[in-house]
Amino acid sequence: MTTGAAVSALLLAVATAGAVLAVTLPETALRDAQEAARQLTSQALVAVGFGIDQVSITGQRYTLDSDVYDALDLTNVKTFAALDTAAALKRIERISWVDTAQISRVFPGQLTVEIKERSPAAVWARGGTRYLIDATGRTLGPVAANNNWVLPQIAGEGANADAPLLLAALGRHKDIQSRFSHAERIAERRWSVVLNNGSRIELGADREVEGLDQVAASTILRKAISAAPVIVDVRTPGRAVMRPVAATTALNLPVTPAGGGQQP
């Protein structure tokens, strides 16, 4: 008898026994009998070469092997027949560092998991802890004490979720991006962008792109943020307010309509 035929005969015998037990046994005893039958089936499948003997994980640097093993549920899954590959992949891809994963079998009994990890895009300070986040705002994990990531710094409640749009807006203007120190999320509504020289650009709610475009398009504002520390407030559409960081008075710079001269 071939291996496939032997396995088929075994599964048929177990199924027949299960049907008989379902009719003749009370509920508690039935559950015990079904569990015993499941274990017997698993042992038989292992015996004929369907067991998972080895697990190989590749592509990971920050993902813990133990998290992948837990996602595979190896405590309960002993055979390839018992492995729900689609469900296991979903669990693996919920691990913070994992972007995508692929599961494959290397005959006779090796399971290979290939992982593609996410790339950190920024460091998010929340409370007293610093976290790495990726370009989608997904939190990857705390920054290790011995790691000095050279990444944009953001801070504030909810800053991780709103960081992608800010980082994309900064990427449109390399001059501002090159001077970027960090950004603070204010009241989970808007950003205050801090530059290396201490200048600040105050952006309005949902105006990351428009506000930075306005600063980049103005010769006056570009020169201002390059000199002594200054606050440039572009929260209000069509209006820029500029003042020294330590000053209490402000200089209003109305925006000149398109075609009517230079826009500050």
C-alpha atoms as a PDB file:
ATOM      1  CA  MET A   1       0.000   0.000   0.000  1.00  0.00           C
ATOM      2  CA  THR A   2       1.323   3.462  -0.889  1.00  0.00           C
ATOM      3  CA  THR A   3       1.795   6.222   1.701  1.00  0.00           C
ATOM      4  CA  GLY A   4      -1.144   8.178   0.312  1.00  0.00           C
ATOM      5  CA  ALA A   5      -3.376   5.116   0.431  1.00  0.00           C
ATOM      6  CA  ALA A   6      -2.316   4.367   3.983  1.00  0.00           C
ATOM      7  CA  VAL A   7      -3.097   7.893   5.097  1.00  0.00           C
ATOM      8  CA  SER A   8      -6.481   7.808   3.370  1.00  0.00           C
ATOM      9  CA  ALA A   9      -7.337   4.516   5.038  1.00  0.00           C
ATOM     10  CA  LEU A  10      -6.310   5.872   8.427  1.00  0.00           C
ATOM     11  CA  LEU A  11      -8.386   9.049   8.068  1.00  0.00           C
ATOM     12  CA  LEU A  12     -11.387   7.008   6.938  1.00  0.00           C
ATOM     13  CA  ALA A  13     -11.045   4.741   9.970  1.00  0.00           C
ATOM     14  CA  VAL A  14     -10.803   7.701  12.326  1.00  0.00           C
ATOM     15  CA  ALA A  15     -13.803   9.410  10.718  1.00  0.00           C
ATOM     16  CA  THR A  16     -15.868   6.211  10.970  1.00  0.00           C
ATOM     17  CA  ALA A  17     -14.893   5.747  14.594  1.00  0.00           C
ATOM     18  CA  GLY A  18     -15.776   9.359  15.298  1.00  0.00           C
ATOM     19  CA  ALA A  19     -19.218   8.934  13.787  1.00  0.00           C
ATOM     20  CA  VAL A  20     -19.858   5.848  15.912  1.00  0.00           C
ATOM     21  CA  LEU A  21     -18.623   7.589  19.054  1.00  0.00           C
ATOM     22  CA  ALA A  22     -20.834  10.589  18.367  1.00  0.00           C
ATOM     23  CA  VAL A  23     -23.871   8.334  18.538  1.00  0.00           C
ATOM     24  CA  THR A  24     -22.891   6.201  21.511  1.00  0.00           C
ATOM     25  CA  LEU A  25     -20.996   8.457  23.952  1.00  0.00           C
ATOM     26  CA  PRO A  26     -22.148  11.254  26.261  1.00  0.00           C
ATOM     27  CA  GLU A  27     -20.849  14.751  25.506  1.00  0.00           C
ATOM     28  CA  THR A  28     -17.885  14.840  27.933  1.00  0.00           C
ATOM     29  CA  ALA A  29     -16.669  11.404  26.967  1.00  0.00           C
ATOM     30  CA  LEU A  30     -17.168  12.285  23.308  1.00  0.00           C
ATOM     31  CA  ARG A  31     -14.879  15.306  23.594  1.00  0.00           C
ATOM     32  CA  ASP A  32     -12.186  13.173  25.215  1.00  0.00           C
ATOM     33  CA  ALA A  33     -12.529  10.524  22.537  1.00  0.00           C
ATOM     34  CA  GLN A  34     -12.348  13.106  19.753  1.00  0.00           C
ATOM     35  CA  GLU A  35      -9.186  14.597  21.238  1.00  0.00           C
ATOM     36  CA  ALA A  36      -7.634  11.155  21.487  1.00  0.00           C
ATOM     37  CA  ALA A  37      -8.557  10.489  17.858  1.00  0.00           C
ATOM     38  CA  ARG A  38      -7.036  13.817  16.814  1.00  0.00           C
ATOM     39  CA  GLN A  39      -3.782  13.005  18.567  1.00  0.00           C
ATOM     40  CA  LEU A  40      -3.745   9.522  17.049  1.00  0.00           C
ATOM     41  CA  THR A  41      -4.236  10.998  13.581  1.00  0.00           C
ATOM     42  CA  SER A  42      -1.435  13.523  14.160  1.00  0.00           C
ATOM     43  CA  GLN A  43       0.938  10.795  15.322  1.00  0.00           C
ATOM     44  CA  ALA A  44       0.104   8.659  12.311  1.00  0.00           C
ATOM     45  CA  LEU A  45       0.684  11.567   9.912  1.00  0.00           C
ATOM     46  CA  VAL A  46       4.049  12.265  11.538  1.00  0.00           C
ATOM     47  CA  ALA A  47       4.946   8.588  11.222  1.00  0.00           C
ATOM     48  CA  VAL A  48       4.313   8.569   7.462  1.00  0.00           C
ATOM     49  CA  GLY A  49       6.245  11.782   6.756  1.00  0.00           C
ATOM     50  CA  PHE A  50       3.662  14.555   7.121  1.00  0.00           C
ATOM     51  CA  GLY A  51       5.081  15.919  10.367  1.00  0.00           C
ATOM     52  CA  ILE A  52       6.724  19.337  10.811  1.00  0.00           C
ATOM     53  CA  ASP A  53      10.221  18.376  11.942  1.00  0.00           C
ATOM     54  CA  GLN A  54      12.039  21.687  11.499  1.00  0.00           C
ATOM     55  CA  VAL A  55      11.144  25.379  11.127  1.00  0.00           C
ATOM     56  CA  SER A  56      13.499  27.776   9.352  1.00  0.00           C
ATOM     57  CA  ILE A  57      12.991  31.562   9.540  1.00  0.00           C
ATOM     58  CA  THR A  58      14.829  33.891   7.147  1.00  0.00           C
ATOM     59  CA  GLY A  59      14.838  37.638   6.461  1.00  0.00           C
ATOM     60  CA  GLN A  60      14.299  38.746  10.034  1.00  0.00           C
ATOM     61  CA  ARG A  61      16.553  41.138  11.901  1.00  0.00           C
ATOM     62  CA  TYR A  62      14.315  42.678  14.539  1.00  0.00           C
ATOM     63  CA  THR A  63      11.446  40.190  14.531  1.00  0.00           C
ATOM     64  CA  LEU A  64      11.741  37.681  17.370  1.00  0.00           C
ATOM     65  CA  ASP A  65      11.783  34.017  16.344  1.00  0.00           C
ATOM     66  CA  SER A  66       9.580  33.226  19.329  1.00  0.00           C
ATOM     67  CA  ASP A  67       6.865  35.565  18.010  1.00  0.00           C
ATOM     68  CA  VAL A  68       6.889  33.722  14.671  1.00  0.00           C
ATOM     69  CA  TYR A  69       6.717  30.338  16.406  1.00  0.00           C
ATOM     70  CA  ASP A  70       3.764  31.545  18.455  1.00  0.00           C
ATOM     71  CA  ALA A  71       2.032  32.768  15.289  1.00  0.00           C
ATOM     72  CA  LEU A  72       2.528  29.336  13.705  1.00  0.00           C
ATOM     73  CA  ASP A  73       0.944  27.760  16.820  1.00  0.00           C
ATOM     74  CA  LEU A  74       3.541  24.996  16.812  1.00  0.00           C
ATOM     75  CA  THR A  75       2.409  23.811  20.224  1.00  0.00           C
ATOM     76  CA  ASN A  76      -0.791  22.526  18.626  1.00  0.00           C
ATOM     77  CA  VAL A  77       0.190  22.217  14.975  1.00  0.00           C
ATOM     78  CA  LYS A  78       2.435  19.183  14.493  1.00  0.00           C
ATOM     79  CA  THR A  79       1.698  18.274  10.884  1.00  0.00           C
ATOM     80  CA  PHE A  80       1.374  20.010   7.532  1.00  0.00           C
ATOM     81  CA  ALA A  81      -2.191  18.751   7.316  1.00  0.00           C
ATOM     82  CA  ALA A  82      -3.065  20.634  10.490  1.00  0.00           C
ATOM     83  CA  LEU A  83      -1.367  23.883   9.405  1.00  0.00           C
ATOM     84  CA  ASP A  84      -3.764  26.589   8.200  1.00  0.00           C
ATOM     85  CA  THR A  85      -1.257  28.514   6.094  1.00  0.00           C
ATOM     86  CA  ALA A  86      -3.519  31.509   5.367  1.00  0.00           C
ATOM     87  CA  ALA A  87      -4.387  32.000   9.040  1.00  0.00           C
ATOM     88  CA  ALA A  88      -0.745  31.576  10.086  1.00  0.00           C
ATOM     89  CA  LEU A  89       0.369  34.209   7.558  1.00  0.00           C
ATOM     90  CA  LYS A  90      -2.185  36.688   8.902  1.00  0.00           C
ATOM     91  CA  ARG A  91      -0.906  36.154  12.438  1.00  0.00           C
ATOM     92  CA  ILE A  92       2.727  36.528  11.348  1.00  0.00           C
ATOM     93  CA  GLU A  93       1.978  39.742   9.443  1.00  0.00           C
ATOM     94  CA  ARG A  94       0.369  41.198  12.579  1.00  0.00           C
ATOM     95  CA  ILE A  95       3.797  41.100  14.252  1.00  0.00           C
ATOM     96  CA  SER A  96       4.915  44.716  14.436  1.00  0.00           C
ATOM     97  CA  TRP A  97       8.125  44.495  12.383  1.00  0.00           C
ATOM     98  CA  VAL A  98       6.743  42.167   9.687  1.00  0.00           C
ATOM     99  CA  ASP A  99       5.664  43.673   6.378  1.00  0.00           C
ATOM    100  CA  THR A 100       5.015  40.485   4.404  1.00  0.00           C
ATOM    101  CA  ALA A 101       5.718  36.797   4.918  1.00  0.00           C
ATOM    102  CA  GLN A 102       5.734  33.621   2.867  1.00  0.00           C
ATOM    103  CA  ILE A 103       5.393  30.052   4.130  1.00  0.00           C
ATOM    104  CA  SER A 104       6.687  27.092   2.136  1.00  0.00           C
ATOM    105  CA  ARG A 105       7.465  23.410   2.680  1.00  0.00           C
ATOM    106  CA  VAL A 106      10.854  21.850   2.028  1.00  0.00           C
ATOM    107  CA  PHE A 107      10.343  18.098   1.787  1.00  0.00           C
ATOM    108  CA  PRO A 108      10.134  16.030   3.720  1.00  0.00           C
ATOM    109  CA  GLY A 109       9.505  17.844   7.008  1.00  0.00           C
ATOM    110  CA  GLN A 110      10.888  21.403   6.967  1.00  0.00           C
ATOM    111  CA  LEU A 111       8.717  24.508   7.156  1.00  0.00           C
ATOM    112  CA  THR A 112      10.328  27.705   5.848  1.00  0.00           C
ATOM    113  CA  VAL A 113       9.097  31.184   6.754  1.00  0.00           C
ATOM    114  CA  GLU A 114      10.504  34.048   4.666  1.00  0.00           C
ATOM    115  CA  ILE A 115       9.986  37.476   6.213  1.00  0.00           C
ATOM    116  CA  LYS A 116      10.269  40.948   4.742  1.00  0.00           C
ATOM    117  CA  GLU A 117      10.542  43.488   7.528  1.00  0.00           C
ATOM    118  CA  ARG A 118       9.306  47.063   7.645  1.00  0.00           C
ATOM    119  CA  SER A 119      11.780  49.949   7.563  1.00  0.00           C
ATOM    120  CA  PRO A 120      11.808  52.590  10.314  1.00  0.00           C
ATOM    121  CA  ALA A 121      10.946  56.061   9.021  1.00  0.00           C
ATOM    122  CA  ALA A 122      10.847  58.155  12.207  1.00  0.00           C
ATOM    123  CA  VAL A 123      11.274  58.103  15.971  1.00  0.00           C
ATOM    124  CA  TRP A 124       8.131  58.918  17.942  1.00  0.00           C
ATOM    125  CA  ALA A 125       8.472  60.251  21.485  1.00  0.00           C
ATOM    126  CA  ARG A 126       5.428  59.537  23.645  1.00  0.00           C
ATOM    127  CA  GLY A 127       5.592  60.118  27.339  1.00  0.00           C
ATOM    128  CA  GLY A 128       8.985  58.932  28.485  1.00  0.00           C
ATOM    129  CA  THR A 129       9.412  56.321  25.748  1.00  0.00           C
ATOM    130  CA  ARG A 130      10.724  56.580  22.189  1.00  0.00           C
ATOM    131  CA  TYR A 131       9.306  54.297  19.516  1.00  0.00           C
ATOM    132  CA  LEU A 132      10.298  53.474  15.954  1.00  0.00           C
ATOM    133  CA  ILE A 133       7.524  53.887  13.393  1.00  0.00           C
ATOM    134  CA  ASP A 134       7.437  53.088   9.689  1.00  0.00           C
ATOM    135  CA  ALA A 135       6.297  55.239   6.765  1.00  0.00           C
ATOM    136  CA  THR A 136       2.662  54.269   7.363  1.00  0.00           C
ATOM    137  CA  GLY A 137       2.765  55.328  11.025  1.00  0.00           C
ATOM    138  CA  ARG A 138       2.804  51.745  12.305  1.00  0.00           C
ATOM    139  CA  THR A 139       4.595  51.405  15.638  1.00  0.00           C
ATOM    140  CA  LEU A 140       7.454  48.924  15.316  1.00  0.00           C
ATOM    141  CA  GLY A 141       8.687  48.920  18.892  1.00  0.00           C
ATOM    142  CA  PRO A 142      10.649  50.893  21.494  1.00  0.00           C
ATOM    143  CA  VAL A 143      14.036  52.312  20.546  1.00  0.00           C
ATOM    144  CA  ALA A 144      16.740  50.239  22.208  1.00  0.00           C
ATOM    145  CA  ALA A 145      19.035  52.170  24.541  1.00  0.00           C
ATOM    146  CA  ASN A 146      22.127  51.267  22.492  1.00  0.00           C
ATOM    147  CA  ASN A 147      20.621  52.270  19.132  1.00  0.00           C
ATOM    148  CA  ASN A 148      21.023  55.817  17.804  1.00  0.00           C
ATOM    149  CA  TRP A 149      18.750  55.906  14.796  1.00  0.00           C
ATOM    150  CA  VAL A 150      19.355  58.857  12.476  1.00  0.00           C
ATOM    151  CA  LEU A 151      15.687  59.450  11.686  1.00  0.00           C
ATOM    152  CA  PRO A 152      13.180  62.322  11.832  1.00  0.00           C
ATOM    153  CA  GLN A 153      11.915  62.918  15.364  1.00  0.00           C
ATOM    154  CA  ILE A 154       8.246  63.479  16.175  1.00  0.00           C
ATOM    155  CA  ALA A 155       6.487  63.901  19.500  1.00  0.00           C
ATOM    156  CA  GLY A 156       3.000  64.095  20.940  1.00  0.00           C
ATOM    157  CA  GLU A 157      -0.107  62.009  21.337  1.00  0.00           C
ATOM    158  CA  GLY A 158      -1.305  60.654  18.003  1.00  0.00           C
ATOM    159  CA  ALA A 159       1.816  61.853  16.200  1.00  0.00           C
ATOM    160  CA  ASN A 160       2.557  58.379  14.829  1.00  0.00           C
ATOM    161  CA  ALA A 161      -0.744  58.130  12.954  1.00  0.00           C
ATOM    162  CA  ASP A 162      -0.382  61.582  11.389  1.00  0.00           C
ATOM    163  CA  ALA A 163       3.351  61.402  10.654  1.00  0.00           C
ATOM    164  CA  PRO A 164       3.089  59.955   7.102  1.00  0.00           C
ATOM    165  CA  LEU A 165       1.474  63.092   5.661  1.00  0.00           C
ATOM    166  CA  LEU A 166       3.939  65.394   7.423  1.00  0.00           C
ATOM    167  CA  LEU A 167       6.969  63.396   6.284  1.00  0.00           C
ATOM    168  CA  ALA A 168       5.641  63.351   2.716  1.00  0.00           C
ATOM    169  CA  ALA A 169       5.065  67.120   2.840  1.00  0.00           C
ATOM    170  CA  LEU A 170       8.620  67.703   4.113  1.00  0.00           C
ATOM    171  CA  GLY A 171       9.945  65.518   1.306  1.00  0.00           C
ATOM    172  CA  ARG A 172       8.536  67.994  -1.221  1.00  0.00           C
ATOM    173  CA  HIS A 173      10.885  70.710   0.058  1.00  0.00           C
ATOM    174  CA  LYS A 174      14.446  69.474   0.509  1.00  0.00           C
ATOM    175  CA  ASP A 175      15.680  72.826   1.820  1.00  0.00           C
ATOM    176  CA  ILE A 176      13.258  72.725   4.748  1.00  0.00           C
ATOM    177  CA  GLN A 177      13.725  68.984   5.200  1.00  0.00           C
ATOM    178  CA  SER A 178      17.515  69.390   5.492  1.00  0.00           C
ATOM    179  CA  ARG A 179      17.002  71.818   8.406  1.00  0.00           C
ATOM    180  CA  PHE A 180      14.334  69.719  10.127  1.00  0.00           C
ATOM    181  CA  SER A 181      15.023  68.960  13.808  1.00  0.00           C
ATOM    182  CA  HIS A 182      11.731  67.546  15.049  1.00  0.00           C
ATOM    183  CA  ALA A 183       7.983  68.104  14.980  1.00  0.00           C
ATOM    184  CA  GLU A 184       5.473  68.284  17.808  1.00  0.00           C
ATOM    185  CA  ARG A 185       1.854  67.234  17.451  1.00  0.00           C
ATOM    186  CA  ILE A 186      -0.293  69.877  19.154  1.00  0.00           C
ATOM    187  CA  ALA A 187      -3.570  68.741  20.735  1.00  0.00           C
ATOM    188  CA  GLU A 188      -3.698  65.852  18.217  1.00  0.00           C
ATOM    189  CA  ARG A 189      -4.762  68.418  15.581  1.00  0.00           C
ATOM    190  CA  ARG A 190      -1.786  70.164  14.023  1.00  0.00           C
ATOM    191  CA  TRP A 191       2.010  70.254  13.767  1.00  0.00           C
ATOM    192  CA  SER A 192       4.674  72.598  15.059  1.00  0.00           C
ATOM    193  CA  VAL A 193       7.801  71.975  12.977  1.00  0.00           C
ATOM    194  CA  VAL A 194      11.088  72.833  14.705  1.00  0.00           C
ATOM    195  CA  LEU A 195      14.206  73.509  12.620  1.00  0.00           C
ATOM    196  CA  ASN A 196      17.846  73.036  13.559  1.00  0.00           C
ATOM    197  CA  ASN A 197      18.364  76.735  14.299  1.00  0.00           C
ATOM    198  CA  GLY A 198      15.402  76.863  16.688  1.00  0.00           C
ATOM    199  CA  SER A 199      12.931  78.366  14.212  1.00  0.00           C
ATOM    200  CA  ARG A 200       9.381  77.028  14.217  1.00  0.00           C
ATOM    201  CA  ILE A 201       6.822  76.646  11.465  1.00  0.00           C
ATOM    202  CA  GLU A 202       3.315  76.510  12.910  1.00  0.00           C
ATOM    203  CA  LEU A 203       1.052  74.534  10.582  1.00  0.00           C
ATOM    204  CA  GLY A 204      -2.727  74.497  10.656  1.00  0.00           C
ATOM    205  CA  ALA A 205      -4.873  71.397  11.104  1.00  0.00           C
ATOM    206  CA  ASP A 206      -4.764  69.301   7.916  1.00  0.00           C
ATOM    207  CA  ARG A 207      -2.525  71.938   6.288  1.00  0.00           C
ATOM    208  CA  GLU A 208       0.838  70.162   6.266  1.00  0.00           C
ATOM    209  CA  VAL A 209       1.231  70.348   2.498  1.00  0.00           C
ATOM    210  CA  GLU A 210      -0.308  73.800   2.014  1.00  0.00           C
ATOM    211  CA  GLY A 211       1.598  75.356   4.922  1.00  0.00           C
ATOM    212  CA  LEU A 212       5.018  74.083   3.882  1.00  0.00           C
ATOM    213  CA  ASP A 213       4.296  74.956   0.255  1.00  0.00           C
ATOM    214  CA  GLN A 214       3.527  78.504   1.389  1.00  0.00           C
ATOM    215  CA  VAL A 215       6.806  78.811   3.295  1.00  0.00           C
ATOM    216  CA  ALA A 216       8.856  77.297   0.462  1.00  0.00           C
ATOM    217  CA  ALA A 217       7.275  79.640  -2.119  1.00  0.00           C
ATOM    218  CA  SER A 218       8.181  82.775  -0.171  1.00  0.00           C
ATOM    219  CA  THR A 219      11.669  84.280  -0.421  1.00  0.00           C
ATOM    220  CA  ILE A 220      11.010  86.313   2.741  1.00  0.00           C
ATOM    221  CA  LEU A 221       9.961  83.300   4.795  1.00  0.00           C
ATOM    222  CA  ARG A 222      12.756  81.083   3.486  1.00  0.00           C
ATOM    223  CA  LYS A 223      15.350  83.688   4.456  1.00  0.00           C
ATOM    224  CA  ALA A 224      13.686  84.217   7.818  1.00  0.00           C
ATOM    225  CA  ILE A 225      13.849  80.561   8.895  1.00  0.00           C
ATOM    226  CA  SER A 226      17.522  80.450   7.885  1.00  0.00           C
ATOM    227  CA  ALA A 227      18.620  83.309  10.160  1.00  0.00           C
ATOM    228  CA  ALA A 228      17.971  83.964  13.866  1.00  0.00           C
ATOM    229  CA  PRO A 229      15.270  81.754  15.419  1.00  0.00           C
ATOM    230  CA  VAL A 230      11.854  82.895  14.250  1.00  0.00           C
ATOM    231  CA  ILE A 231       8.279  81.631  14.415  1.00  0.00           C
ATOM    232  CA  VAL A 232       6.435  81.449  11.109  1.00  0.00           C
ATOM    233  CA  ASP A 233       2.714  80.900  11.612  1.00  0.00           C
ATOM    234  CA  VAL A 234       0.878  79.733   8.497  1.00  0.00           C
ATOM    235  CA  ARG A 235      -2.116  78.194  10.229  1.00  0.00           C
ATOM    236  CA  THR A 236      -4.537  80.552   8.470  1.00  0.00           C
ATOM    237  CA  PRO A 237      -4.885  80.056   4.700  1.00  0.00           C
ATOM    238  CA  GLY A 238      -3.590  83.040   2.733  1.00  0.00           C
ATOM    239  CA  ARG A 239      -1.839  84.620   5.720  1.00  0.00           C
ATOM    240  CA  ALA A 240       1.604  84.344   7.309  1.00  0.00           C
ATOM    241  CA  VAL A 241       2.541  85.736  10.726  1.00  0.00           C
ATOM    242  CA  MET A 242       6.220  86.009  11.599  1.00  0.00           C
ATOM    243  CA  ARG A 243       7.886  86.927  14.882  1.00  0.00           C
ATOM    244  CA  PRO A 244      11.171  86.280  16.702  1.00  0.00           C
ATOM    245  CA  VAL A 245      10.968  83.322  19.050  1.00  0.00           C
ATOM    246  CA  ALA A 246      11.408  85.455  22.161  1.00  0.00           C
ATOM    247  CA  ALA A 247       9.296  88.412  20.980  1.00  0.00           C
ATOM    248  CA  THR A 248       5.694  89.185  21.854  1.00  0.00           C
ATOM    249  CA  THR A 249       4.842  91.296  18.799  1.00  0.00           C
ATOM    250  CA  ALA A 250       4.236  89.837  15.370  1.00  0.00           C
ATOM    251  CA  LEU A 251       4.708  90.951  11.792  1.00  0.00           C
ATOM    252  CA  ASN A 252       1.706  90.166   9.583  1.00  0.00           C
ATOM    253  CA  LEU A 253       2.581  89.215   6.025  1.00  0.00           C
ATOM    254  CA  PRO A 254      -0.565  89.087   3.870  1.00  0.00           C
ATOM    255  CA  VAL A 255      -0.364  86.846   0.831  1.00  0.00           C
ATOM    256  CA  THR A 256      -0.317  88.676  -2.488  1.00  0.00           C
ATOM    257  CA  PRO A 257      -2.907  87.270  -4.927  1.00  0.00           C
ATOM    258  CA  ALA A 258      -1.546  85.129  -7.739  1.00  0.00           C
ATOM    259  CA  GLY A 259      -0.202  87.249 -10.584  1.00  0.00           C
ATOM    260  CA  GLY A 260       0.061  90.351  -8.420  1.00  0.00           C
ATOM    261  CA  GLY A 261       3.682  90.042  -7.311  1.00  0.00           C
ATOM    262  CA  GLN A 262       5.768  87.980  -4.902  1.00  0.00           C
ATOM    263  CA  GLN A 263       3.978  85.775  -2.402  1.00  0.00           C
ATOM    264  CA  PRO A 264       5.600  85.819   1.044  1.00  0.00           C
END
